[in-house]
Amino acid sequence: VPDGWDDHPCSYLLFASQYEDVAAEARERGLRVAHLPGEHLHQIID
C-alpha cells in the first residue's frame, strides 16, 4: 500500500452484520460509516 493512500476522505458502507468488525476498524481509522441493512452484494439487490 503506497504512503498517502488514505489522505483523502474515505467511507465504508456496511450491509451485513458479519462485516461489523470491518466497519469498527473503519470507524477507528476515522472513516465515515453508514449501515444499509442487507446481505453480501446488497448493491445488486437494492
ModelCIF file with pLDDT and N, C-alpha, C, O atoms, coordinates in Angstrom:
data_MODEL
#
_entry.id   MODEL 
#
_entity.id                         1 
_entity.type                       polymer 
_entity.pdbx_number_of_molecules   1 
#
_entity_poly.entity_id                      1 
_entity_poly.type                           'polypeptide(L)' 
_entity_poly.nstd_linkage                   no 
_entity_poly.nstd_monomer                   no 
_entity_poly.pdbx_seq_one_letter_code       VPDGWDDHPCSYLLFASQYEDVAAEARERGLRVAHLPGEHLHQIID 
_entity_poly.pdbx_seq_one_letter_code_can   VPDGWDDHPCSYLLFASQYEDVAAEARERGLRVAHLPGEHLHQIID 
_entity_poly.pdbx_strand_id                 A 
#
loop_
_entity_poly_seq.entity_id 
_entity_poly_seq.num 
_entity_poly_seq.mon_id 
_entity_poly_seq.hetero 
1 1  VAL n 
1 2  PRO n 
1 3  ASP n 
1 4  GLY n 
1 5  TRP n 
1 6  ASP n 
1 7  ASP n 
1 8  HIS n 
1 9  PRO n 
1 10 CYS n 
1 11 SER n 
1 12 TYR n 
1 13 LEU n 
1 14 LEU n 
1 15 PHE n 
1 16 ALA n 
1 17 SER n 
1 18 GLN n 
1 19 TYR n 
1 20 GLU n 
1 21 ASP n 
1 22 VAL n 
1 23 ALA n 
1 24 ALA n 
1 25 GLU n 
1 26 ALA n 
1 27 ARG n 
1 28 GLU n 
1 29 ARG n 
1 30 GLY n 
1 31 LEU n 
1 32 ARG n 
1 33 VAL n 
1 34 ALA n 
1 35 HIS n 
1 36 LEU n 
1 37 PRO n 
1 38 GLY n 
1 39 GLU n 
1 40 HIS n 
1 41 LEU n 
1 42 HIS n 
1 43 GLN n 
1 44 ILE n 
1 45 ILE n 
1 46 ASP n 
#
_struct_asym.id          A 
_struct_asym.entity_id   1 
#
loop_
_ma_qa_metric.id 
_ma_qa_metric.mode 
_ma_qa_metric.name 
_ma_qa_metric.software_group_id 
_ma_qa_metric.type 
1 global pLDDT . pLDDT 
2 local  pLDDT . pLDDT 
#
_ma_qa_metric_global.metric_id      1 
_ma_qa_metric_global.metric_value   92.63 
_ma_qa_metric_global.model_id       1 
_ma_qa_metric_global.ordinal_id     1 
#
loop_
_ma_qa_metric_local.label_asym_id 
_ma_qa_metric_local.label_comp_id 
_ma_qa_metric_local.label_seq_id 
_ma_qa_metric_local.metric_id 
_ma_qa_metric_local.metric_value 
_ma_qa_metric_local.model_id 
_ma_qa_metric_local.ordinal_id 
A VAL 1  2 88.00 1 1  
A PRO 2  2 91.00 1 2  
A ASP 3  2 91.00 1 3  
A GLY 4  2 88.00 1 4  
A TRP 5  2 83.00 1 5  
A ASP 6  2 78.00 1 6  
A ASP 7  2 84.00 1 7  
A HIS 8  2 84.00 1 8  
A PRO 9  2 86.00 1 9  
A CYS 10 2 90.00 1 10 
A SER 11 2 95.00 1 11 
A TYR 12 2 96.00 1 12 
A LEU 13 2 97.00 1 13 
A LEU 14 2 97.00 1 14 
A PHE 15 2 97.00 1 15 
A ALA 16 2 94.00 1 16 
A SER 17 2 92.00 1 17 
A GLN 18 2 94.00 1 18 
A TYR 19 2 95.00 1 19 
A GLU 20 2 96.00 1 20 
A ASP 21 2 97.00 1 21 
A VAL 22 2 96.00 1 22 
A ALA 23 2 97.00 1 23 
A ALA 24 2 98.00 1 24 
A GLU 25 2 96.00 1 25 
A ALA 26 2 95.00 1 26 
A ARG 27 2 96.00 1 27 
A GLU 28 2 95.00 1 28 
A ARG 29 2 91.00 1 29 
A GLY 30 2 91.00 1 30 
A LEU 31 2 93.00 1 31 
A ARG 32 2 94.00 1 32 
A VAL 33 2 96.00 1 33 
A ALA 34 2 96.00 1 34 
A HIS 35 2 97.00 1 35 
A LEU 36 2 97.00 1 36 
A PRO 37 2 96.00 1 37 
A GLY 38 2 94.00 1 38 
A GLU 39 2 90.00 1 39 
A HIS 40 2 86.00 1 40 
A LEU 41 2 89.00 1 41 
A HIS 42 2 93.00 1 42 
A GLN 43 2 94.00 1 43 
A ILE 44 2 92.00 1 44 
A ILE 45 2 91.00 1 45 
A ASP 46 2 95.00 1 46 
#
loop_
_atom_site.group_PDB 
_atom_site.id 
_atom_site.type_symbol 
_atom_site.label_atom_id 
_atom_site.label_alt_id 
_atom_site.label_comp_id 
_atom_site.label_asym_id 
_atom_site.label_entity_id 
_atom_site.label_seq_id 
_atom_site.pdbx_PDB_ins_code 
_atom_site.Cartn_x 
_atom_site.Cartn_y 
_atom_site.Cartn_z 
_atom_site.occupancy 
_atom_site.B_iso_or_equiv 
_atom_site.pdbx_formal_charge 
_atom_site.auth_seq_id 
_atom_site.auth_comp_id 
_atom_site.auth_asym_id 
_atom_site.auth_atom_id 
_atom_site.pdbx_PDB_model_num 
ATOM 1   N N  . VAL A 1 1  ? 0.858   -1.176  0.000  1.00 88.00 ? 1  VAL A N  1 
ATOM 2   C CA . VAL A 1 1  ? 0.000   0.000   0.000  1.00 88.00 ? 1  VAL A CA 1 
ATOM 3   C C  . VAL A 1 1  ? 0.897   1.230   0.000  1.00 88.00 ? 1  VAL A C  1 
ATOM 4   O O  . VAL A 1 1  ? 1.719   1.391   0.902  1.00 88.00 ? 1  VAL A O  1 
ATOM 5   N N  . PRO A 1 2  ? 0.756   2.090   -0.985 1.00 91.00 ? 2  PRO A N  1 
ATOM 6   C CA . PRO A 1 2  ? 1.621   3.268   -1.043 1.00 91.00 ? 2  PRO A CA 1 
ATOM 7   C C  . PRO A 1 2  ? 1.312   4.272   0.069  1.00 91.00 ? 2  PRO A C  1 
ATOM 8   O O  . PRO A 1 2  ? 0.168   4.402   0.504  1.00 91.00 ? 2  PRO A O  1 
ATOM 9   N N  . ASP A 1 3  ? 2.347   4.976   0.518  1.00 91.00 ? 3  ASP A N  1 
ATOM 10  C CA . ASP A 1 3  ? 2.158   6.031   1.507  1.00 91.00 ? 3  ASP A CA 1 
ATOM 11  C C  . ASP A 1 3  ? 1.164   7.055   0.969  1.00 91.00 ? 3  ASP A C  1 
ATOM 12  O O  . ASP A 1 3  ? 1.160   7.379   -0.219 1.00 91.00 ? 3  ASP A O  1 
ATOM 13  N N  . GLY A 1 4  ? 0.329   7.553   1.863  1.00 88.00 ? 4  GLY A N  1 
ATOM 14  C CA . GLY A 1 4  ? -0.607  8.602   1.487  1.00 88.00 ? 4  GLY A CA 1 
ATOM 15  C C  . GLY A 1 4  ? -1.872  8.133   0.811  1.00 88.00 ? 4  GLY A C  1 
ATOM 16  O O  . GLY A 1 4  ? -2.682  8.953   0.379  1.00 88.00 ? 4  GLY A O  1 
ATOM 17  N N  . TRP A 1 5  ? -2.063  6.814   0.710  1.00 83.00 ? 5  TRP A N  1 
ATOM 18  C CA . TRP A 1 5  ? -3.258  6.317   0.023  1.00 83.00 ? 5  TRP A CA 1 
ATOM 19  C C  . TRP A 1 5  ? -4.529  6.787   0.709  1.00 83.00 ? 5  TRP A C  1 
ATOM 20  O O  . TRP A 1 5  ? -5.574  6.927   0.076  1.00 83.00 ? 5  TRP A O  1 
ATOM 21  N N  . ASP A 1 6  ? -4.429  7.027   2.003  1.00 78.00 ? 6  ASP A N  1 
ATOM 22  C CA . ASP A 1 6  ? -5.632  7.386   2.766  1.00 78.00 ? 6  ASP A CA 1 
ATOM 23  C C  . ASP A 1 6  ? -5.674  8.868   3.140  1.00 78.00 ? 6  ASP A C  1 
ATOM 24  O O  . ASP A 1 6  ? -6.269  9.236   4.153  1.00 78.00 ? 6  ASP A O  1 
ATOM 25  N N  . ASP A 1 7  ? -5.046  9.718   2.325  1.00 84.00 ? 7  ASP A N  1 
ATOM 26  C CA . ASP A 1 7  ? -5.066  11.147  2.636  1.00 84.00 ? 7  ASP A CA 1 
ATOM 27  C C  . ASP A 1 7  ? -6.319  11.840  2.098  1.00 84.00 ? 7  ASP A C  1 
ATOM 28  O O  . ASP A 1 7  ? -6.457  13.057  2.229  1.00 84.00 ? 7  ASP A O  1 
ATOM 29  N N  . HIS A 1 8  ? -7.218  11.088  1.505  1.00 84.00 ? 8  HIS A N  1 
ATOM 30  C CA . HIS A 1 8  ? -8.498  11.611  1.031  1.00 84.00 ? 8  HIS A CA 1 
ATOM 31  C C  . HIS A 1 8  ? -9.600  11.065  1.941  1.00 84.00 ? 8  HIS A C  1 
ATOM 32  O O  . HIS A 1 8  ? -9.456  9.983   2.510  1.00 84.00 ? 8  HIS A O  1 
ATOM 33  N N  . PRO A 1 9  ? -10.688 11.802  2.078  1.00 86.00 ? 9  PRO A N  1 
ATOM 34  C CA . PRO A 1 9  ? -11.793 11.277  2.888  1.00 86.00 ? 9  PRO A CA 1 
ATOM 35  C C  . PRO A 1 9  ? -12.293 9.937   2.334  1.00 86.00 ? 9  PRO A C  1 
ATOM 36  O O  . PRO A 1 9  ? -12.493 9.782   1.129  1.00 86.00 ? 9  PRO A O  1 
ATOM 37  N N  . CYS A 1 10 ? -12.485 8.998   3.222  1.00 90.00 ? 10 CYS A N  1 
ATOM 38  C CA . CYS A 1 10 ? -12.949 7.662   2.827  1.00 90.00 ? 10 CYS A CA 1 
ATOM 39  C C  . CYS A 1 10 ? -14.186 7.296   3.639  1.00 90.00 ? 10 CYS A C  1 
ATOM 40  O O  . CYS A 1 10 ? -14.439 7.872   4.697  1.00 90.00 ? 10 CYS A O  1 
ATOM 41  N N  . SER A 1 11 ? -14.947 6.342   3.138  1.00 95.00 ? 11 SER A N  1 
ATOM 42  C CA . SER A 1 11 ? -16.168 5.887   3.810  1.00 95.00 ? 11 SER A CA 1 
ATOM 43  C C  . SER A 1 11 ? -16.296 4.384   3.669  1.00 95.00 ? 11 SER A C  1 
ATOM 44  O O  . SER A 1 11 ? -15.638 3.755   2.841  1.00 95.00 ? 11 SER A O  1 
ATOM 45  N N  . TYR A 1 12 ? -17.167 3.823   4.508  1.00 96.00 ? 12 TYR A N  1 
ATOM 46  C CA . TYR A 1 12 ? -17.459 2.393   4.456  1.00 96.00 ? 12 TYR A CA 1 
ATOM 47  C C  . TYR A 1 12 ? -18.961 2.225   4.575  1.00 96.00 ? 12 TYR A C  1 
ATOM 48  O O  . TYR A 1 12 ? -19.580 2.741   5.506  1.00 96.00 ? 12 TYR A O  1 
ATOM 49  N N  . LEU A 1 13 ? -19.545 1.505   3.636  1.00 97.00 ? 13 LEU A N  1 
ATOM 50  C CA . LEU A 1 13 ? -20.983 1.220   3.677  1.00 97.00 ? 13 LEU A CA 1 
ATOM 51  C C  . LEU A 1 13 ? -21.168 -0.234  4.081  1.00 97.00 ? 13 LEU A C  1 
ATOM 52  O O  . LEU A 1 13 ? -20.831 -1.153  3.336  1.00 97.00 ? 13 LEU A O  1 
ATOM 53  N N  . LEU A 1 14 ? -21.705 -0.417  5.261  1.00 97.00 ? 14 LEU A N  1 
ATOM 54  C CA . LEU A 1 14 ? -21.919 -1.742  5.839  1.00 97.00 ? 14 LEU A CA 1 
ATOM 55  C C  . LEU A 1 14 ? -23.285 -2.273  5.419  1.00 97.00 ? 14 LEU A C  1 
ATOM 56  O O  . LEU A 1 14 ? -24.297 -1.588  5.570  1.00 97.00 ? 14 LEU A O  1 
ATOM 57  N N  . PHE A 1 15 ? -23.311 -3.481  4.898  1.00 97.00 ? 15 PHE A N  1 
ATOM 58  C CA . PHE A 1 15 ? -24.570 -4.139  4.568  1.00 97.00 ? 15 PHE A CA 1 
ATOM 59  C C  . PHE A 1 15 ? -24.931 -5.176  5.635  1.00 97.00 ? 15 PHE A C  1 
ATOM 60  O O  . PHE A 1 15 ? -25.989 -5.087  6.258  1.00 97.00 ? 15 PHE A O  1 
ATOM 61  N N  . ALA A 1 16 ? -24.062 -6.144  5.840  1.00 94.00 ? 16 ALA A N  1 
ATOM 62  C CA . ALA A 1 16 ? -24.384 -7.315  6.661  1.00 94.00 ? 16 ALA A CA 1 
ATOM 63  C C  . ALA A 1 16 ? -23.612 -7.301  7.977  1.00 94.00 ? 16 ALA A C  1 
ATOM 64  O O  . ALA A 1 16 ? -22.481 -6.820  8.040  1.00 94.00 ? 16 ALA A O  1 
ATOM 65  N N  . SER A 1 17 ? -24.231 -7.828  9.014  1.00 92.00 ? 17 SER A N  1 
ATOM 66  C CA . SER A 1 17 ? -23.640 -7.813  10.352 1.00 92.00 ? 17 SER A CA 1 
ATOM 67  C C  . SER A 1 17 ? -22.324 -8.584  10.426 1.00 92.00 ? 17 SER A C  1 
ATOM 68  O O  . SER A 1 17 ? -21.501 -8.296  11.295 1.00 92.00 ? 17 SER A O  1 
ATOM 69  N N  . GLN A 1 18 ? -22.104 -9.546  9.548  1.00 94.00 ? 18 GLN A N  1 
ATOM 70  C CA . GLN A 1 18 ? -20.847 -10.294 9.607  1.00 94.00 ? 18 GLN A CA 1 
ATOM 71  C C  . GLN A 1 18 ? -19.638 -9.423  9.259  1.00 94.00 ? 18 GLN A C  1 
ATOM 72  O O  . GLN A 1 18 ? -18.499 -9.853  9.441  1.00 94.00 ? 18 GLN A O  1 
ATOM 73  N N  . TYR A 1 19 ? -19.872 -8.211  8.763  1.00 95.00 ? 19 TYR A N  1 
ATOM 74  C CA . TYR A 1 19 ? -18.780 -7.280  8.449  1.00 95.00 ? 19 TYR A CA 1 
ATOM 75  C C  . TYR A 1 19 ? -18.670 -6.166  9.489  1.00 95.00 ? 19 TYR A C  1 
ATOM 76  O O  . TYR A 1 19 ? -17.985 -5.170  9.258  1.00 95.00 ? 19 TYR A O  1 
ATOM 77  N N  . GLU A 1 20 ? -19.333 -6.326  10.621 1.00 96.00 ? 20 GLU A N  1 
ATOM 78  C CA . GLU A 1 20 ? -19.297 -5.300  11.665 1.00 96.00 ? 20 GLU A CA 1 
ATOM 79  C C  . GLU A 1 20 ? -17.880 -5.058  12.164 1.00 96.00 ? 20 GLU A C  1 
ATOM 80  O O  . GLU A 1 20 ? -17.541 -3.922  12.496 1.00 96.00 ? 20 GLU A O  1 
ATOM 81  N N  . ASP A 1 21 ? -17.040 -6.090  12.229 1.00 97.00 ? 21 ASP A N  1 
ATOM 82  C CA . ASP A 1 21 ? -15.650 -5.903  12.657 1.00 97.00 ? 21 ASP A CA 1 
ATOM 83  C C  . ASP A 1 21 ? -14.900 -4.992  11.689 1.00 97.00 ? 21 ASP A C  1 
ATOM 84  O O  . ASP A 1 21 ? -14.098 -4.159  12.112 1.00 97.00 ? 21 ASP A O  1 
ATOM 85  N N  . VAL A 1 22 ? -15.158 -5.148  10.408 1.00 96.00 ? 22 VAL A N  1 
ATOM 86  C CA . VAL A 1 22 ? -14.522 -4.299  9.397  1.00 96.00 ? 22 VAL A CA 1 
ATOM 87  C C  . VAL A 1 22 ? -15.026 -2.864  9.546  1.00 96.00 ? 22 VAL A C  1 
ATOM 88  O O  . VAL A 1 22 ? -14.250 -1.914  9.437  1.00 96.00 ? 22 VAL A O  1 
ATOM 89  N N  . ALA A 1 23 ? -16.321 -2.713  9.794  1.00 97.00 ? 23 ALA A N  1 
ATOM 90  C CA . ALA A 1 23 ? -16.884 -1.375  9.997  1.00 97.00 ? 23 ALA A CA 1 
ATOM 91  C C  . ALA A 1 23 ? -16.289 -0.726  11.245 1.00 97.00 ? 23 ALA A C  1 
ATOM 92  O O  . ALA A 1 23 ? -16.016 0.474   11.247 1.00 97.00 ? 23 ALA A O  1 
ATOM 93  N N  . ALA A 1 24 ? -16.086 -1.507  12.301 1.00 98.00 ? 24 ALA A N  1 
ATOM 94  C CA . ALA A 1 24 ? -15.483 -0.970  13.522 1.00 98.00 ? 24 ALA A CA 1 
ATOM 95  C C  . ALA A 1 24 ? -14.050 -0.513  13.242 1.00 98.00 ? 24 ALA A C  1 
ATOM 96  O O  . ALA A 1 24 ? -13.625 0.538   13.722 1.00 98.00 ? 24 ALA A O  1 
ATOM 97  N N  . GLU A 1 25 ? -13.323 -1.287  12.480 1.00 96.00 ? 25 GLU A N  1 
ATOM 98  C CA . GLU A 1 25 ? -11.957 -0.886  12.110 1.00 96.00 ? 25 GLU A CA 1 
ATOM 99  C C  . GLU A 1 25 ? -11.991 0.403   11.291 1.00 96.00 ? 25 GLU A C  1 
ATOM 100 O O  . GLU A 1 25 ? -11.158 1.288   11.486 1.00 96.00 ? 25 GLU A O  1 
ATOM 101 N N  . ALA A 1 26 ? -12.947 0.508   10.382 1.00 95.00 ? 26 ALA A N  1 
ATOM 102 C CA . ALA A 1 26 ? -13.082 1.720   9.571  1.00 95.00 ? 26 ALA A CA 1 
ATOM 103 C C  . ALA A 1 26 ? -13.357 2.923   10.475 1.00 95.00 ? 26 ALA A C  1 
ATOM 104 O O  . ALA A 1 26 ? -12.764 3.985   10.286 1.00 95.00 ? 26 ALA A O  1 
ATOM 105 N N  . ARG A 1 27 ? -14.241 2.766   11.444 1.00 96.00 ? 27 ARG A N  1 
ATOM 106 C CA . ARG A 1 27 ? -14.533 3.859   12.378 1.00 96.00 ? 27 ARG A CA 1 
ATOM 107 C C  . ARG A 1 27 ? -13.280 4.267   13.151 1.00 96.00 ? 27 ARG A C  1 
ATOM 108 O O  . ARG A 1 27 ? -13.003 5.454   13.321 1.00 96.00 ? 27 ARG A O  1 
ATOM 109 N N  . GLU A 1 28 ? -12.517 3.256   13.622 1.00 95.00 ? 28 GLU A N  1 
ATOM 110 C CA . GLU A 1 28 ? -11.285 3.525   14.369 1.00 95.00 ? 28 GLU A CA 1 
ATOM 111 C C  . GLU A 1 28 ? -10.285 4.302   13.527 1.00 95.00 ? 28 GLU A C  1 
ATOM 112 O O  . GLU A 1 28 ? -9.505  5.093   14.055 1.00 95.00 ? 28 GLU A O  1 
ATOM 113 N N  . ARG A 1 29 ? -10.308 4.078   12.223 1.00 91.00 ? 29 ARG A N  1 
ATOM 114 C CA . ARG A 1 29 ? -9.379  4.768   11.322 1.00 91.00 ? 29 ARG A CA 1 
ATOM 115 C C  . ARG A 1 29 ? -9.908  6.139   10.896 1.00 91.00 ? 29 ARG A C  1 
ATOM 116 O O  . ARG A 1 29 ? -9.256  6.854   10.136 1.00 91.00 ? 29 ARG A O  1 
ATOM 117 N N  . GLY A 1 30 ? -11.097 6.499   11.393 1.00 91.00 ? 30 GLY A N  1 
ATOM 118 C CA . GLY A 1 30 ? -11.652 7.805   11.091 1.00 91.00 ? 30 GLY A CA 1 
ATOM 119 C C  . GLY A 1 30 ? -12.517 7.857   9.846  1.00 91.00 ? 30 GLY A C  1 
ATOM 120 O O  . GLY A 1 30 ? -12.887 8.942   9.398  1.00 91.00 ? 30 GLY A O  1 
ATOM 121 N N  . LEU A 1 31 ? -12.843 6.710   9.281  1.00 93.00 ? 31 LEU A N  1 
ATOM 122 C CA . LEU A 1 31 ? -13.706 6.693   8.106  1.00 93.00 ? 31 LEU A CA 1 
ATOM 123 C C  . LEU A 1 31 ? -15.152 6.898   8.526  1.00 93.00 ? 31 LEU A C  1 
ATOM 124 O O  . LEU A 1 31 ? -15.558 6.503   9.619  1.00 93.00 ? 31 LEU A O  1 
ATOM 125 N N  . ARG A 1 32 ? -15.925 7.522   7.639  1.00 94.00 ? 32 ARG A N  1 
ATOM 126 C CA . ARG A 1 32 ? -17.363 7.623   7.860  1.00 94.00 ? 32 ARG A CA 1 
ATOM 127 C C  . ARG A 1 32 ? -17.949 6.236   7.576  1.00 94.00 ? 32 ARG A C  1 
ATOM 128 O O  . ARG A 1 32 ? -17.555 5.575   6.615  1.00 94.00 ? 32 ARG A O  1 
ATOM 129 N N  . VAL A 1 33 ? -18.881 5.809   8.408  1.00 96.00 ? 33 VAL A N  1 
ATOM 130 C CA . VAL A 1 33 ? -19.507 4.503   8.241  1.00 96.00 ? 33 VAL A CA 1 
ATOM 131 C C  . VAL A 1 33 ? -21.015 4.685   8.237  1.00 96.00 ? 33 VAL A C  1 
ATOM 132 O O  . VAL A 1 33 ? -21.570 5.368   9.098  1.00 96.00 ? 33 VAL A O  1 
ATOM 133 N N  . ALA A 1 34 ? -21.673 4.072   7.264  1.00 96.00 ? 34 ALA A N  1 
ATOM 134 C CA . ALA A 1 34 ? -23.132 4.048   7.215  1.00 96.00 ? 34 ALA A CA 1 
ATOM 135 C C  . ALA A 1 34 ? -23.572 2.588   7.133  1.00 96.00 ? 34 ALA A C  1 
ATOM 136 O O  . ALA A 1 34 ? -22.814 1.727   6.684  1.00 96.00 ? 34 ALA A O  1 
ATOM 137 N N  . HIS A 1 35 ? -24.785 2.321   7.564  1.00 97.00 ? 35 HIS A N  1 
ATOM 138 C CA . HIS A 1 35 ? -25.307 0.953   7.548  1.00 97.00 ? 35 HIS A CA 1 
ATOM 139 C C  . HIS A 1 35 ? -26.591 0.900   6.732  1.00 97.00 ? 35 HIS A C  1 
ATOM 140 O O  . HIS A 1 35 ? -27.561 1.598   7.026  1.00 97.00 ? 35 HIS A O  1 
ATOM 141 N N  . LEU A 1 36 ? -26.581 0.072   5.716  1.00 97.00 ? 36 LEU A N  1 
ATOM 142 C CA . LEU A 1 36 ? -27.768 -0.217  4.918  1.00 97.00 ? 36 LEU A CA 1 
ATOM 143 C C  . LEU A 1 36 ? -28.055 -1.695  5.147  1.00 97.00 ? 36 LEU A C  1 
ATOM 144 O O  . LEU A 1 36 ? -27.385 -2.542  4.556  1.00 97.00 ? 36 LEU A O  1 
ATOM 145 N N  . PRO A 1 37 ? -29.029 -2.028  5.984  1.00 96.00 ? 37 PRO A N  1 
ATOM 146 C CA . PRO A 1 37 ? -29.280 -3.434  6.293  1.00 96.00 ? 37 PRO A CA 1 
ATOM 147 C C  . PRO A 1 37 ? -29.494 -4.266  5.032  1.00 96.00 ? 37 PRO A C  1 
ATOM 148 O O  . PRO A 1 37 ? -30.320 -3.937  4.180  1.00 96.00 ? 37 PRO A O  1 
ATOM 149 N N  . GLY A 1 38 ? -28.738 -5.339  4.937  1.00 94.00 ? 38 GLY A N  1 
ATOM 150 C CA . GLY A 1 38 ? -28.822 -6.224  3.787  1.00 94.00 ? 38 GLY A CA 1 
ATOM 151 C C  . GLY A 1 38 ? -27.847 -7.363  3.948  1.00 94.00 ? 38 GLY A C  1 
ATOM 152 O O  . GLY A 1 38 ? -27.446 -7.700  5.062  1.00 94.00 ? 38 GLY A O  1 
ATOM 153 N N  . GLU A 1 39 ? -27.469 -7.951  2.842  1.00 90.00 ? 39 GLU A N  1 
ATOM 154 C CA . GLU A 1 39 ? -26.534 -9.066  2.838  1.00 90.00 ? 39 GLU A CA 1 
ATOM 155 C C  . GLU A 1 39 ? -25.366 -8.739  1.912  1.00 90.00 ? 39 GLU A C  1 
ATOM 156 O O  . GLU A 1 39 ? -25.322 -7.671  1.302  1.00 90.00 ? 39 GLU A O  1 
ATOM 157 N N  . HIS A 1 40 ? -24.430 -9.667  1.818  1.00 86.00 ? 40 HIS A N  1 
ATOM 158 C CA . HIS A 1 40 ? -23.284 -9.520  0.927  1.00 86.00 ? 40 HIS A CA 1 
ATOM 159 C C  . HIS A 1 40 ? -23.786 -9.246  -0.492 1.00 86.00 ? 40 HIS A C  1 
ATOM 160 O O  . HIS A 1 40 ? -24.716 -9.904  -0.958 1.00 86.00 ? 40 HIS A O  1 
ATOM 161 N N  . LEU A 1 41 ? -23.181 -8.288  -1.173 1.00 89.00 ? 41 LEU A N  1 
ATOM 162 C CA . LEU A 1 41 ? -23.570 -7.876  -2.524 1.00 89.00 ? 41 LEU A CA 1 
ATOM 163 C C  . LEU A 1 41 ? -24.980 -7.267  -2.566 1.00 89.00 ? 41 LEU A C  1 
ATOM 164 O O  . LEU A 1 41 ? -25.687 -7.386  -3.567 1.00 89.00 ? 41 LEU A O  1 
ATOM 165 N N  . HIS A 1 42 ? -25.367 -6.624  -1.487 1.00 93.00 ? 42 HIS A N  1 
ATOM 166 C CA . HIS A 1 42 ? -26.691 -5.999  -1.417 1.00 93.00 ? 42 HIS A CA 1 
ATOM 167 C C  . HIS A 1 42 ? -26.879 -4.933  -2.493 1.00 93.00 ? 42 HIS A C  1 
ATOM 168 O O  . HIS A 1 42 ? -28.009 -4.622  -2.869 1.00 93.00 ? 42 HIS A O  1 
ATOM 169 N N  . GLN A 1 43 ? -25.769 -4.371  -2.991 1.00 94.00 ? 43 GLN A N  1 
ATOM 170 C CA . GLN A 1 43 ? -25.858 -3.345  -4.034 1.00 94.00 ? 43 GLN A CA 1 
ATOM 171 C C  . GLN A 1 43 ? -26.531 -3.876  -5.296 1.00 94.00 ? 43 GLN A C  1 
ATOM 172 O O  . GLN A 1 43 ? -27.055 -3.097  -6.093 1.00 94.00 ? 43 GLN A O  1 
ATOM 173 N N  . ILE A 1 44 ? -26.522 -5.173  -5.480 1.00 92.00 ? 44 ILE A N  1 
ATOM 174 C CA . ILE A 1 44 ? -27.193 -5.773  -6.642 1.00 92.00 ? 44 ILE A CA 1 
ATOM 175 C C  . ILE A 1 44 ? -28.698 -5.838  -6.402 1.00 92.00 ? 44 ILE A C  1 
ATOM 176 O O  . ILE A 1 44 ? -29.491 -5.663  -7.327 1.00 92.00 ? 44 ILE A O  1 
ATOM 177 N N  . ILE A 1 45 ? -29.082 -6.089  -5.156 1.00 91.00 ? 45 ILE A N  1 
ATOM 178 C CA . ILE A 1 45 ? -30.493 -6.225  -4.812 1.00 91.00 ? 45 ILE A CA 1 
ATOM 179 C C  . ILE A 1 45 ? -31.172 -4.868  -4.707 1.00 91.00 ? 45 ILE A C  1 
ATOM 180 O O  . ILE A 1 45 ? -32.327 -4.709  -5.101 1.00 91.00 ? 45 ILE A O  1 
ATOM 181 N N  . ASP A 1 46 ? -30.443 -3.889  -4.173 1.00 95.00 ? 46 ASP A N  1 
ATOM 182 C CA . ASP A 1 46 ? -31.032 -2.573  -3.937 1.00 95.00 ? 46 ASP A CA 1 
ATOM 183 C C  . ASP A 1 46 ? -30.067 -1.468  -4.391 1.00 95.00 ? 46 ASP A C  1 
ATOM 184 O O  . ASP A 1 46 ? -30.385 -0.284  -4.273 1.00 95.00 ? 46 ASP A O  1 
#
